[in-house]
Amino acid sequence: MHKEHRLARREDFNRVYRYGKSTANQQFVVYVLPKPQNECFRVGVSVSKKLGNAVVRNRLRRTMKEIVRLHKEQIADKVDFVLIARKPVADMEYEEMRKSLLHVLKRASLIKGGPSKGSN
């Protein structure tokens, strides 16, 4: 994930949590905050300690970021969003996680245009 696509500072996360709109499914929650001054989207990823040890959490974080990176052309610009993993994600395979993550992004109106490739 390139630097311009990352939310890194605590203040940025807090701003998205406080002023953003949330959408969820069984596996993920996404908070979205429109930022007209941004050229591209910025994403932050949050995985709770309740989901497992550091190895599990880091694997989930890397997988979620990779899914976003692979679908970045389909994701709307000029928004900040935070992805939060819920408990069922810890037991999912990559393909299930990809479909579920794209589903929650679609529900949050973050996917551009028509249906994304292979999302069903």
N, C-alpha and C. Protein backbone atom coordinates (compact mmCIF):
# COMPACT_ATOMS: atom_id res chain seq x y z
N MET A 1 0.85 -1.17 0.00
CA MET A 1 0.00 0.00 0.00
C MET A 1 0.90 1.24 0.00
N HIS A 2 0.72 2.10 -0.99
CA HIS A 2 1.52 3.31 -1.07
C HIS A 2 1.17 4.27 0.07
N LYS A 3 2.13 5.12 0.39
CA LYS A 3 1.98 6.04 1.51
C LYS A 3 0.76 6.96 1.37
N GLU A 4 0.47 7.40 0.14
CA GLU A 4 -0.66 8.31 -0.04
C GLU A 4 -2.01 7.62 0.19
N HIS A 5 -2.04 6.30 0.25
CA HIS A 5 -3.28 5.56 0.49
C HIS A 5 -3.43 5.12 1.95
N ARG A 6 -2.54 5.57 2.85
CA ARG A 6 -2.58 5.11 4.24
C ARG A 6 -3.07 6.19 5.20
N LEU A 7 -3.91 5.75 6.13
CA LEU A 7 -4.24 6.57 7.31
C LEU A 7 -3.30 6.09 8.40
N ALA A 8 -2.52 6.97 8.98
CA ALA A 8 -1.54 6.52 9.95
C ALA A 8 -1.68 7.21 11.30
N ARG A 9 -2.07 8.47 11.31
CA ARG A 9 -2.08 9.23 12.57
C ARG A 9 -3.35 8.97 13.37
N ARG A 10 -3.22 8.96 14.67
CA ARG A 10 -4.35 8.74 15.56
C ARG A 10 -5.45 9.77 15.32
N GLU A 11 -5.06 11.02 15.07
CA GLU A 11 -6.05 12.08 14.83
C GLU A 11 -6.90 11.78 13.60
N ASP A 12 -6.27 11.21 12.57
CA ASP A 12 -7.02 10.85 11.36
C ASP A 12 -8.04 9.75 11.65
N PHE A 13 -7.62 8.72 12.38
CA PHE A 13 -8.53 7.64 12.75
C PHE A 13 -9.69 8.21 13.58
N ASN A 14 -9.36 9.02 14.58
CA ASN A 14 -10.40 9.58 15.45
C ASN A 14 -11.38 10.45 14.68
N ARG A 15 -10.90 11.22 13.71
CA ARG A 15 -11.77 12.06 12.90
C ARG A 15 -12.75 11.19 12.09
N VAL A 16 -12.25 10.11 11.52
CA VAL A 16 -13.12 9.21 10.74
C VAL A 16 -14.14 8.54 11.65
N TYR A 17 -13.71 8.08 12.84
CA TYR A 17 -14.65 7.45 13.78
C TYR A 17 -15.72 8.45 14.22
N ARG A 18 -15.31 9.68 14.49
CA ARG A 18 -16.23 10.65 15.06
C ARG A 18 -17.22 11.21 14.05
N TYR A 19 -16.75 11.56 12.86
CA TYR A 19 -17.59 12.25 11.88
C TYR A 19 -18.04 11.37 10.72
N GLY A 20 -17.45 10.17 10.59
CA GLY A 20 -17.78 9.30 9.48
C GLY A 20 -19.05 8.50 9.69
N LYS A 21 -19.55 7.94 8.62
CA LYS A 21 -20.72 7.06 8.66
C LYS A 21 -20.23 5.62 8.65
N SER A 22 -20.89 4.76 9.43
CA SER A 22 -20.47 3.36 9.48
C SER A 22 -21.43 2.47 8.73
N THR A 23 -20.85 1.41 8.18
CA THR A 23 -21.60 0.35 7.51
C THR A 23 -20.95 -0.95 7.94
N ALA A 24 -21.74 -2.01 8.04
CA ALA A 24 -21.17 -3.26 8.53
C ALA A 24 -21.84 -4.47 7.90
N ASN A 25 -21.12 -5.58 7.95
CA ASN A 25 -21.70 -6.90 7.71
C ASN A 25 -21.22 -7.78 8.86
N GLN A 26 -21.35 -9.08 8.75
CA GLN A 26 -20.98 -9.97 9.86
C GLN A 26 -19.49 -9.95 10.16
N GLN A 27 -18.65 -9.69 9.15
CA GLN A 27 -17.21 -9.81 9.32
C GLN A 27 -16.46 -8.49 9.46
N PHE A 28 -16.99 -7.41 8.90
CA PHE A 28 -16.27 -6.14 8.87
C PHE A 28 -17.18 -4.96 9.21
N VAL A 29 -16.56 -3.90 9.73
CA VAL A 29 -17.21 -2.61 9.89
C VAL A 29 -16.35 -1.62 9.12
N VAL A 30 -16.98 -0.70 8.41
CA VAL A 30 -16.23 0.33 7.70
C VAL A 30 -16.81 1.70 8.06
N TYR A 31 -15.93 2.60 8.49
CA TYR A 31 -16.29 3.99 8.74
C TYR A 31 -15.78 4.81 7.57
N VAL A 32 -16.65 5.66 6.99
CA VAL A 32 -16.30 6.43 5.79
C VAL A 32 -16.49 7.91 6.06
N LEU A 33 -15.48 8.70 5.70
CA LEU A 33 -15.55 10.15 5.82
C LEU A 33 -15.10 10.78 4.51
N PRO A 34 -16.00 11.48 3.79
CA PRO A 34 -15.59 12.15 2.55
C PRO A 34 -14.57 13.25 2.85
N LYS A 35 -13.53 13.32 2.02
CA LYS A 35 -12.47 14.33 2.17
C LYS A 35 -12.20 14.93 0.80
N PRO A 36 -12.95 15.97 0.40
CA PRO A 36 -12.82 16.54 -0.95
C PRO A 36 -11.42 17.02 -1.31
N GLN A 37 -10.61 17.39 -0.30
CA GLN A 37 -9.26 17.89 -0.61
C GLN A 37 -8.28 16.76 -0.96
N ASN A 38 -8.63 15.50 -0.68
CA ASN A 38 -7.75 14.37 -1.02
C ASN A 38 -7.85 14.06 -2.51
N GLU A 39 -6.73 13.69 -3.11
CA GLU A 39 -6.73 13.23 -4.49
C GLU A 39 -7.26 11.80 -4.58
N CYS A 40 -6.84 10.95 -3.65
CA CYS A 40 -7.21 9.54 -3.68
C CYS A 40 -7.78 9.14 -2.32
N PHE A 41 -8.21 7.90 -2.22
CA PHE A 41 -8.72 7.41 -0.94
C PHE A 41 -7.55 7.14 0.01
N ARG A 42 -7.86 7.15 1.31
CA ARG A 42 -6.89 6.72 2.33
C ARG A 42 -7.60 5.70 3.22
N VAL A 43 -6.90 4.64 3.58
CA VAL A 43 -7.50 3.57 4.36
C VAL A 43 -6.67 3.30 5.62
N GLY A 44 -7.37 3.01 6.70
CA GLY A 44 -6.76 2.55 7.93
C GLY A 44 -7.37 1.21 8.28
N VAL A 45 -6.60 0.35 8.92
CA VAL A 45 -7.06 -0.99 9.26
C VAL A 45 -6.91 -1.18 10.77
N SER A 46 -7.95 -1.73 11.39
CA SER A 46 -7.95 -1.98 12.82
C SER A 46 -8.34 -3.42 13.09
N VAL A 47 -7.51 -4.11 13.88
CA VAL A 47 -7.80 -5.50 14.26
C VAL A 47 -7.61 -5.60 15.77
N SER A 48 -8.66 -5.97 16.48
CA SER A 48 -8.66 -6.01 17.93
C SER A 48 -7.84 -7.18 18.48
N LYS A 49 -7.35 -7.03 19.70
CA LYS A 49 -6.63 -8.13 20.37
C LYS A 49 -7.55 -9.32 20.64
N LYS A 50 -8.85 -9.09 20.61
CA LYS A 50 -9.81 -10.17 20.83
C LYS A 50 -9.75 -11.22 19.72
N LEU A 51 -9.19 -10.85 18.56
CA LEU A 51 -9.17 -11.76 17.42
C LEU A 51 -8.02 -12.76 17.47
N GLY A 52 -7.02 -12.51 18.29
CA GLY A 52 -5.92 -13.47 18.37
C GLY A 52 -4.62 -12.78 18.77
N ASN A 53 -3.56 -13.56 18.73
CA ASN A 53 -2.26 -13.01 19.10
C ASN A 53 -1.71 -12.13 17.98
N ALA A 54 -0.53 -11.59 18.16
CA ALA A 54 0.06 -10.64 17.21
C ALA A 54 0.22 -11.25 15.82
N VAL A 55 0.56 -12.53 15.76
CA VAL A 55 0.75 -13.19 14.47
C VAL A 55 -0.56 -13.20 13.69
N VAL A 56 -1.63 -13.56 14.35
CA VAL A 56 -2.95 -13.62 13.71
C VAL A 56 -3.40 -12.23 13.29
N ARG A 57 -3.26 -11.25 14.20
CA ARG A 57 -3.70 -9.89 13.90
C ARG A 57 -2.93 -9.29 12.72
N ASN A 58 -1.63 -9.49 12.70
CA ASN A 58 -0.82 -8.94 11.61
C ASN A 58 -1.14 -9.62 10.28
N ARG A 59 -1.41 -10.93 10.30
CA ARG A 59 -1.79 -11.63 9.08
C ARG A 59 -3.11 -11.07 8.54
N LEU A 60 -4.07 -10.86 9.43
CA LEU A 60 -5.36 -10.29 9.02
C LEU A 60 -5.17 -8.88 8.46
N ARG A 61 -4.38 -8.07 9.13
CA ARG A 61 -4.13 -6.69 8.69
C ARG A 61 -3.49 -6.67 7.31
N ARG A 62 -2.47 -7.52 7.11
CA ARG A 62 -1.80 -7.58 5.80
C ARG A 62 -2.75 -8.05 4.71
N THR A 63 -3.58 -9.03 5.02
CA THR A 63 -4.52 -9.57 4.03
C THR A 63 -5.56 -8.50 3.65
N MET A 64 -6.08 -7.79 4.63
CA MET A 64 -7.07 -6.76 4.35
C MET A 64 -6.47 -5.65 3.48
N LYS A 65 -5.25 -5.22 3.80
CA LYS A 65 -4.59 -4.18 3.01
C LYS A 65 -4.31 -4.66 1.59
N GLU A 66 -3.95 -5.93 1.43
CA GLU A 66 -3.67 -6.48 0.11
C GLU A 66 -4.94 -6.52 -0.74
N ILE A 67 -6.07 -6.88 -0.14
CA ILE A 67 -7.34 -6.90 -0.87
C ILE A 67 -7.68 -5.50 -1.35
N VAL A 68 -7.50 -4.51 -0.49
CA VAL A 68 -7.77 -3.12 -0.88
C VAL A 68 -6.81 -2.71 -2.00
N ARG A 69 -5.54 -3.06 -1.86
CA ARG A 69 -4.55 -2.70 -2.88
C ARG A 69 -4.90 -3.29 -4.24
N LEU A 70 -5.34 -4.54 -4.27
CA LEU A 70 -5.67 -5.20 -5.53
C LEU A 70 -6.93 -4.63 -6.19
N HIS A 71 -7.78 -4.00 -5.40
CA HIS A 71 -9.03 -3.44 -5.93
C HIS A 71 -9.05 -1.92 -5.88
N LYS A 72 -7.88 -1.27 -5.78
CA LYS A 72 -7.84 0.18 -5.60
C LYS A 72 -8.43 0.96 -6.76
N GLU A 73 -8.40 0.41 -7.98
CA GLU A 73 -8.99 1.11 -9.13
C GLU A 73 -10.50 1.20 -8.99
N GLN A 74 -11.11 0.26 -8.26
CA GLN A 74 -12.57 0.22 -8.11
C GLN A 74 -13.06 1.06 -6.93
N ILE A 75 -12.15 1.47 -6.04
CA ILE A 75 -12.54 2.18 -4.83
C ILE A 75 -12.63 3.68 -5.11
N ALA A 76 -13.69 4.28 -4.58
CA ALA A 76 -13.94 5.71 -4.80
C ALA A 76 -12.81 6.57 -4.26
N ASP A 77 -12.55 7.69 -4.94
CA ASP A 77 -11.52 8.63 -4.51
C ASP A 77 -12.12 9.63 -3.52
N LYS A 78 -11.24 10.44 -2.94
CA LYS A 78 -11.62 11.56 -2.07
C LYS A 78 -12.38 11.13 -0.83
N VAL A 79 -12.00 9.99 -0.23
CA VAL A 79 -12.58 9.54 1.03
C VAL A 79 -11.47 8.99 1.92
N ASP A 80 -11.70 9.08 3.23
CA ASP A 80 -10.91 8.36 4.21
C ASP A 80 -11.83 7.28 4.76
N PHE A 81 -11.30 6.07 4.94
CA PHE A 81 -12.12 5.04 5.57
C PHE A 81 -11.27 4.13 6.43
N VAL A 82 -11.92 3.60 7.47
CA VAL A 82 -11.26 2.69 8.41
C VAL A 82 -12.00 1.37 8.35
N LEU A 83 -11.25 0.29 8.16
CA LEU A 83 -11.79 -1.06 8.16
C LEU A 83 -11.52 -1.70 9.51
N ILE A 84 -12.55 -2.28 10.11
CA ILE A 84 -12.41 -2.95 11.39
C ILE A 84 -12.82 -4.41 11.20
N ALA A 85 -11.95 -5.31 11.60
CA ALA A 85 -12.23 -6.74 11.48
C ALA A 85 -13.02 -7.21 12.70
N ARG A 86 -14.01 -8.05 12.47
CA ARG A 86 -14.78 -8.66 13.56
C ARG A 86 -14.32 -10.10 13.75
N LYS A 87 -14.78 -10.71 14.82
CA LYS A 87 -14.32 -12.04 15.24
C LYS A 87 -14.35 -13.12 14.13
N PRO A 88 -15.42 -13.25 13.33
CA PRO A 88 -15.45 -14.34 12.33
C PRO A 88 -14.32 -14.28 11.30
N VAL A 89 -13.70 -13.12 11.13
CA VAL A 89 -12.65 -12.97 10.12
C VAL A 89 -11.45 -13.86 10.42
N ALA A 90 -11.18 -14.10 11.69
CA ALA A 90 -9.99 -14.87 12.10
C ALA A 90 -9.98 -16.28 11.50
N ASP A 91 -11.16 -16.83 11.20
CA ASP A 91 -11.25 -18.20 10.69
C ASP A 91 -11.51 -18.29 9.20
N MET A 92 -11.46 -17.16 8.50
CA MET A 92 -11.80 -17.16 7.08
C MET A 92 -10.60 -17.40 6.18
N GLU A 93 -10.87 -18.01 5.05
CA GLU A 93 -9.87 -18.16 3.99
C GLU A 93 -9.82 -16.86 3.20
N TYR A 94 -8.80 -16.70 2.37
CA TYR A 94 -8.59 -15.47 1.62
C TYR A 94 -9.79 -15.11 0.74
N GLU A 95 -10.30 -16.06 -0.03
CA GLU A 95 -11.37 -15.77 -0.98
C GLU A 95 -12.66 -15.33 -0.25
N GLU A 96 -12.98 -15.99 0.86
CA GLU A 96 -14.14 -15.59 1.65
C GLU A 96 -13.97 -14.17 2.18
N MET A 97 -12.74 -13.88 2.67
CA MET A 97 -12.46 -12.56 3.21
C MET A 97 -12.57 -11.49 2.12
N ARG A 98 -12.07 -11.80 0.93
CA ARG A 98 -12.13 -10.86 -0.19
C ARG A 98 -13.58 -10.53 -0.53
N LYS A 99 -14.41 -11.57 -0.66
CA LYS A 99 -15.82 -11.35 -1.00
C LYS A 99 -16.53 -10.54 0.07
N SER A 100 -16.28 -10.85 1.32
CA SER A 100 -16.94 -10.15 2.41
C SER A 100 -16.48 -8.69 2.49
N LEU A 101 -15.19 -8.45 2.30
CA LEU A 101 -14.66 -7.09 2.34
C LEU A 101 -15.21 -6.25 1.19
N LEU A 102 -15.26 -6.82 -0.02
CA LEU A 102 -15.83 -6.10 -1.15
C LEU A 102 -17.33 -5.84 -0.94
N HIS A 103 -18.01 -6.79 -0.29
CA HIS A 103 -19.43 -6.62 0.00
C HIS A 103 -19.65 -5.41 0.92
N VAL A 104 -18.87 -5.30 1.99
CA VAL A 104 -19.06 -4.18 2.92
C VAL A 104 -18.65 -2.86 2.26
N LEU A 105 -17.64 -2.88 1.39
CA LEU A 105 -17.26 -1.65 0.68
C LEU A 105 -18.36 -1.23 -0.28
N LYS A 106 -19.01 -2.21 -0.92
CA LYS A 106 -20.13 -1.92 -1.81
C LYS A 106 -21.31 -1.33 -1.03
N ARG A 107 -21.59 -1.90 0.13
CA ARG A 107 -22.68 -1.39 0.97
C ARG A 107 -22.41 0.04 1.43
N ALA A 108 -21.13 0.37 1.60
CA ALA A 108 -20.75 1.72 2.04
C ALA A 108 -20.61 2.67 0.85
N SER A 109 -20.96 2.21 -0.35
CA SER A 109 -20.88 3.01 -1.58
C SER A 109 -19.45 3.45 -1.90
N LEU A 110 -18.49 2.59 -1.62
CA LEU A 110 -17.09 2.91 -1.90
C LEU A 110 -16.60 2.29 -3.20
N ILE A 111 -17.40 1.42 -3.82
CA ILE A 111 -17.01 0.79 -5.08
C ILE A 111 -17.57 1.64 -6.22
N LYS A 112 -16.68 2.04 -7.13
CA LYS A 112 -17.08 2.88 -8.28
C LYS A 112 -17.88 2.07 -9.29
N GLY A 113 -18.75 2.76 -9.99
CA GLY A 113 -19.43 2.18 -11.15
C GLY A 113 -20.27 0.96 -10.82
N GLY A 114 -20.20 -0.01 -11.75
CA GLY A 114 -21.00 -1.22 -11.64
C GLY A 114 -20.41 -2.23 -10.69
N PRO A 115 -20.90 -3.46 -10.79
CA PRO A 115 -20.40 -4.52 -9.93
C PRO A 115 -18.93 -4.81 -10.18
N SER A 116 -18.22 -5.14 -9.11
CA SER A 116 -16.79 -5.43 -9.26
C SER A 116 -16.58 -6.84 -9.76
N LYS A 117 -15.39 -7.08 -10.34
CA LYS A 117 -15.08 -8.40 -10.89
C LYS A 117 -15.01 -9.43 -9.78
N GLY A 118 -15.70 -10.55 -9.97
CA GLY A 118 -15.59 -11.68 -9.07
C GLY A 118 -16.04 -11.42 -7.65
N SER A 119 -16.95 -10.50 -7.44
CA SER A 119 -17.35 -10.19 -6.08
C SER A 119 -18.51 -11.06 -5.60
N ASN A 120 -19.14 -11.83 -6.48
CA ASN A 120 -20.26 -12.66 -6.07
C ASN A 120 -19.85 -14.03 -5.73
